[in-house]
Amino acid sequence: MKVGDIISWEKVFTVEEVQAFTQLSGDSGVHHVIPDERGRLTVQGLLTATLPTKIGGDFNVLASHMTFHFLRPVFTGDSIQCDVQIETYNEVSDTRIEIEATFTCKNQLDKVVLNGSFAGIIKDKRV
């Protein structure tokens, strides 16, 4: 991993995932539990935010802070691609790396639904 690298992950959220997240989080706004006229549920913002956190988890990032900007709704059945770009990658020691990254999540219509950033450390640089 180096500055400038882009790591991508794509996911389609299902009704079952929104229902499970509703139970887990308690975020049961009517738009998360009653389908719209097209049969879709609105995906919780923090469920959508699991896309960049999944990528961070793949590289053992322990986040110290995260910023999210929710720009458009995400619905069940939408295909969301998250691109994480490495902005800072600083090897502090043999076992500690400081990392900062930005991310953009777009739907199947190429519309940005979420963007933001995160920073933290990687404790084991063998990743």
C-alpha atoms as a PDB file:
ATOM      1  CA  MET A   1       0.000   0.000   0.000  1.00  0.00           C
ATOM      2  CA  LYS A   2       1.245   3.484  -0.862  1.00  0.00           C
ATOM      3  CA  VAL A   3       0.031   7.050  -1.221  1.00  0.00           C
ATOM      4  CA  GLY A   4      -2.241   7.353  -4.233  1.00  0.00           C
ATOM      5  CA  ASP A   5      -3.446   3.739  -4.176  1.00  0.00           C
ATOM      6  CA  ILE A   6      -7.194   3.286  -4.650  1.00  0.00           C
ATOM      7  CA  ILE A   7      -8.912   0.282  -3.116  1.00  0.00           C
ATOM      8  CA  SER A   8     -12.477  -0.478  -4.232  1.00  0.00           C
ATOM      9  CA  TRP A   9     -15.377  -2.500  -2.870  1.00  0.00           C
ATOM     10  CA  GLU A  10     -18.848  -2.872  -4.355  1.00  0.00           C
ATOM     11  CA  LYS A  11     -22.004  -4.061  -2.622  1.00  0.00           C
ATOM     12  CA  VAL A  12     -25.738  -4.337  -3.180  1.00  0.00           C
ATOM     13  CA  PHE A  13     -27.697  -3.842   0.050  1.00  0.00           C
ATOM     14  CA  THR A  14     -30.639  -6.190   0.611  1.00  0.00           C
ATOM     15  CA  VAL A  15     -33.925  -5.795   2.460  1.00  0.00           C
ATOM     16  CA  GLU A  16     -32.732  -8.451   4.921  1.00  0.00           C
ATOM     17  CA  GLU A  17     -29.569  -6.452   5.707  1.00  0.00           C
ATOM     18  CA  VAL A  18     -31.585  -3.273   6.338  1.00  0.00           C
ATOM     19  CA  GLN A  19     -33.955  -5.232   8.587  1.00  0.00           C
ATOM     20  CA  ALA A  20     -31.032  -6.767  10.516  1.00  0.00           C
ATOM     21  CA  PHE A  21     -29.343  -3.371  10.904  1.00  0.00           C
ATOM     22  CA  THR A  22     -32.662  -1.900  12.076  1.00  0.00           C
ATOM     23  CA  GLN A  23     -32.810  -4.539  14.812  1.00  0.00           C
ATOM     24  CA  LEU A  24     -29.145  -4.128  15.746  1.00  0.00           C
ATOM     25  CA  SER A  25     -28.998  -0.324  15.734  1.00  0.00           C
ATOM     26  CA  GLY A  26     -32.544   0.587  16.730  1.00  0.00           C
ATOM     27  CA  ASP A  27     -32.630   2.996  13.764  1.00  0.00           C
ATOM     28  CA  SER A  28     -36.224   2.213  12.813  1.00  0.00           C
ATOM     29  CA  GLY A  29     -37.283   5.342  10.959  1.00  0.00           C
ATOM     30  CA  VAL A  30     -40.354   4.683   8.833  1.00  0.00           C
ATOM     31  CA  HIS A  31     -38.249   4.888   5.635  1.00  0.00           C
ATOM     32  CA  HIS A  32     -36.167   1.946   6.907  1.00  0.00           C
ATOM     33  CA  VAL A  33     -39.151  -0.318   7.667  1.00  0.00           C
ATOM     34  CA  ILE A  34     -41.915   0.558   5.170  1.00  0.00           C
ATOM     35  CA  PRO A  35     -41.066   0.041   1.489  1.00  0.00           C
ATOM     36  CA  ASP A  36     -41.568   2.906  -0.947  1.00  0.00           C
ATOM     37  CA  GLU A  37     -43.834   2.676  -4.008  1.00  0.00           C
ATOM     38  CA  ARG A  38     -41.094   0.675  -5.776  1.00  0.00           C
ATOM     39  CA  GLY A  39     -40.747  -1.828  -2.930  1.00  0.00           C
ATOM     40  CA  ARG A  40     -37.418  -0.439  -1.696  1.00  0.00           C
ATOM     41  CA  LEU A  41     -36.266   0.410   1.801  1.00  0.00           C
ATOM     42  CA  THR A  42     -33.903   3.285   2.478  1.00  0.00           C
ATOM     43  CA  VAL A  43     -30.566   1.953   3.680  1.00  0.00           C
ATOM     44  CA  GLN A  44     -29.405   3.502   6.968  1.00  0.00           C
ATOM     45  CA  GLY A  45     -26.546   5.960   6.513  1.00  0.00           C
ATOM     46  CA  LEU A  46     -24.339   4.099   8.940  1.00  0.00           C
ATOM     47  CA  LEU A  47     -25.036   0.829   7.128  1.00  0.00           C
ATOM     48  CA  THR A  48     -23.861   2.502   3.918  1.00  0.00           C
ATOM     49  CA  ALA A  49     -20.815   3.737   5.869  1.00  0.00           C
ATOM     50  CA  THR A  50     -19.764   0.131   6.431  1.00  0.00           C
ATOM     51  CA  LEU A  51     -18.303   0.135   2.908  1.00  0.00           C
ATOM     52  CA  PRO A  52     -15.219   2.240   3.703  1.00  0.00           C
ATOM     53  CA  THR A  53     -14.911   0.613   7.127  1.00  0.00           C
ATOM     54  CA  LYS A  54     -14.871  -2.810   5.435  1.00  0.00           C
ATOM     55  CA  ILE A  55     -11.927  -1.693   3.309  1.00  0.00           C
ATOM     56  CA  GLY A  56     -10.135  -0.318   6.375  1.00  0.00           C
ATOM     57  CA  GLY A  57     -10.754  -3.607   8.156  1.00  0.00           C
ATOM     58  CA  ASP A  58      -9.236  -5.543   5.263  1.00  0.00           C
ATOM     59  CA  PHE A  59      -5.957  -3.738   6.020  1.00  0.00           C
ATOM     60  CA  ASN A  60      -6.214  -3.863   9.830  1.00  0.00           C
ATOM     61  CA  VAL A  61      -6.704  -0.108  10.174  1.00  0.00           C
ATOM     62  CA  LEU A  62      -7.564   0.972  13.717  1.00  0.00           C
ATOM     63  CA  ALA A  63      -9.432   4.210  13.017  1.00  0.00           C
ATOM     64  CA  SER A  64      -8.932   7.208  15.286  1.00  0.00           C
ATOM     65  CA  HIS A  65     -11.525   9.316  13.494  1.00  0.00           C
ATOM     66  CA  MET A  66     -13.890   9.197  10.540  1.00  0.00           C
ATOM     67  CA  THR A  67     -15.880  11.849   8.695  1.00  0.00           C
ATOM     68  CA  PHE A  68     -18.984  11.050   6.671  1.00  0.00           C
ATOM     69  CA  HIS A  69     -20.941  13.284   4.282  1.00  0.00           C
ATOM     70  CA  PHE A  70     -24.245  11.649   3.312  1.00  0.00           C
ATOM     71  CA  LEU A  71     -25.269  13.214  -0.004  1.00  0.00           C
ATOM     72  CA  ARG A  72     -28.047  11.029  -1.462  1.00  0.00           C
ATOM     73  CA  PRO A  73     -30.233   8.199  -0.218  1.00  0.00           C
ATOM     74  CA  VAL A  74     -29.270   4.603  -0.851  1.00  0.00           C
ATOM     75  CA  PHE A  75     -32.042   2.080  -1.453  1.00  0.00           C
ATOM     76  CA  THR A  76     -32.151  -1.676  -1.226  1.00  0.00           C
ATOM     77  CA  GLY A  77     -31.136  -3.089  -4.589  1.00  0.00           C
ATOM     78  CA  ASP A  78     -28.748  -0.197  -5.329  1.00  0.00           C
ATOM     79  CA  SER A  79     -25.221  -1.191  -6.294  1.00  0.00           C
ATOM     80  CA  ILE A  80     -22.772   1.007  -4.366  1.00  0.00           C
ATOM     81  CA  GLN A  81     -19.077   1.193  -5.222  1.00  0.00           C
ATOM     82  CA  CYS A  82     -16.722   2.625  -2.620  1.00  0.00           C
ATOM     83  CA  ASP A  83     -13.288   3.862  -3.673  1.00  0.00           C
ATOM     84  CA  VAL A  84     -10.806   4.557  -0.876  1.00  0.00           C
ATOM     85  CA  GLN A  85      -7.725   6.589  -1.786  1.00  0.00           C
ATOM     86  CA  ILE A  86      -4.648   6.481   0.430  1.00  0.00           C
ATOM     87  CA  GLU A  87      -3.577  10.055   1.201  1.00  0.00           C
ATOM     88  CA  THR A  88      -0.927   9.475   3.887  1.00  0.00           C
ATOM     89  CA  TYR A  89       1.034   6.318   4.625  1.00  0.00           C
ATOM     90  CA  ASN A  90       3.749   6.987   7.181  1.00  0.00           C
ATOM     91  CA  GLU A  91       5.816   4.134   8.651  1.00  0.00           C
ATOM     92  CA  VAL A  92       6.442   5.338  12.191  1.00  0.00           C
ATOM     93  CA  SER A  93       8.174   2.145  13.318  1.00  0.00           C
ATOM     94  CA  ASP A  94       8.539  -1.505  12.302  1.00  0.00           C
ATOM     95  CA  THR A  95       5.140  -2.247  13.816  1.00  0.00           C
ATOM     96  CA  ARG A  96       3.174   0.991  13.390  1.00  0.00           C
ATOM     97  CA  ILE A  97       1.962   2.862  10.316  1.00  0.00           C
ATOM     98  CA  GLU A  98      -0.079   6.064  10.355  1.00  0.00           C
ATOM     99  CA  ILE A  99      -2.622   6.217   7.576  1.00  0.00           C
ATOM    100  CA  GLU A 100      -5.100   8.752   6.229  1.00  0.00           C
ATOM    101  CA  ALA A 101      -7.543   8.090   3.430  1.00  0.00           C
ATOM    102  CA  THR A 102     -10.462   9.675   1.598  1.00  0.00           C
ATOM    103  CA  PHE A 103     -13.384   7.790   0.129  1.00  0.00           C
ATOM    104  CA  THR A 104     -16.201   8.237  -2.354  1.00  0.00           C
ATOM    105  CA  CYS A 105     -19.214   5.947  -2.678  1.00  0.00           C
ATOM    106  CA  LYS A 106     -21.286   6.061  -5.867  1.00  0.00           C
ATOM    107  CA  ASN A 107     -24.469   4.305  -6.893  1.00  0.00           C
ATOM    108  CA  GLN A 108     -25.126   2.458 -10.139  1.00  0.00           C
ATOM    109  CA  LEU A 109     -26.083   5.797 -11.752  1.00  0.00           C
ATOM    110  CA  ASP A 110     -22.586   7.148 -10.954  1.00  0.00           C
ATOM    111  CA  LYS A 111     -24.066   9.573  -8.386  1.00  0.00           C
ATOM    112  CA  VAL A 112     -22.060  10.209  -5.224  1.00  0.00           C
ATOM    113  CA  VAL A 113     -24.075   9.037  -2.233  1.00  0.00           C
ATOM    114  CA  LEU A 114     -21.403   9.276   0.462  1.00  0.00           C
ATOM    115  CA  ASN A 115     -17.913  10.676   0.821  1.00  0.00           C
ATOM    116  CA  GLY A 116     -15.527  11.412   3.632  1.00  0.00           C
ATOM    117  CA  SER A 117     -12.243  10.446   5.212  1.00  0.00           C
ATOM    118  CA  PHE A 118     -10.652   8.399   7.935  1.00  0.00           C
ATOM    119  CA  ALA A 119      -7.351   8.311   9.777  1.00  0.00           C
ATOM    120  CA  GLY A 120      -5.757   5.826  12.095  1.00  0.00           C
ATOM    121  CA  ILE A 121      -2.944   3.357  12.491  1.00  0.00           C
ATOM    122  CA  ILE A 122      -1.967  -0.052  11.246  1.00  0.00           C
ATOM    123  CA  LYS A 123      -0.164  -1.913  14.023  1.00  0.00           C
ATOM    124  CA  ASP A 124       1.329  -4.696  11.924  1.00  0.00           C
ATOM    125  CA  LYS A 125       2.979  -3.540   8.717  1.00  0.00           C
ATOM    126  CA  ARG A 126       3.097  -7.075   7.264  1.00  0.00           C
ATOM    127  CA  VAL A 127      -0.325  -6.240   5.776  1.00  0.00           C
END
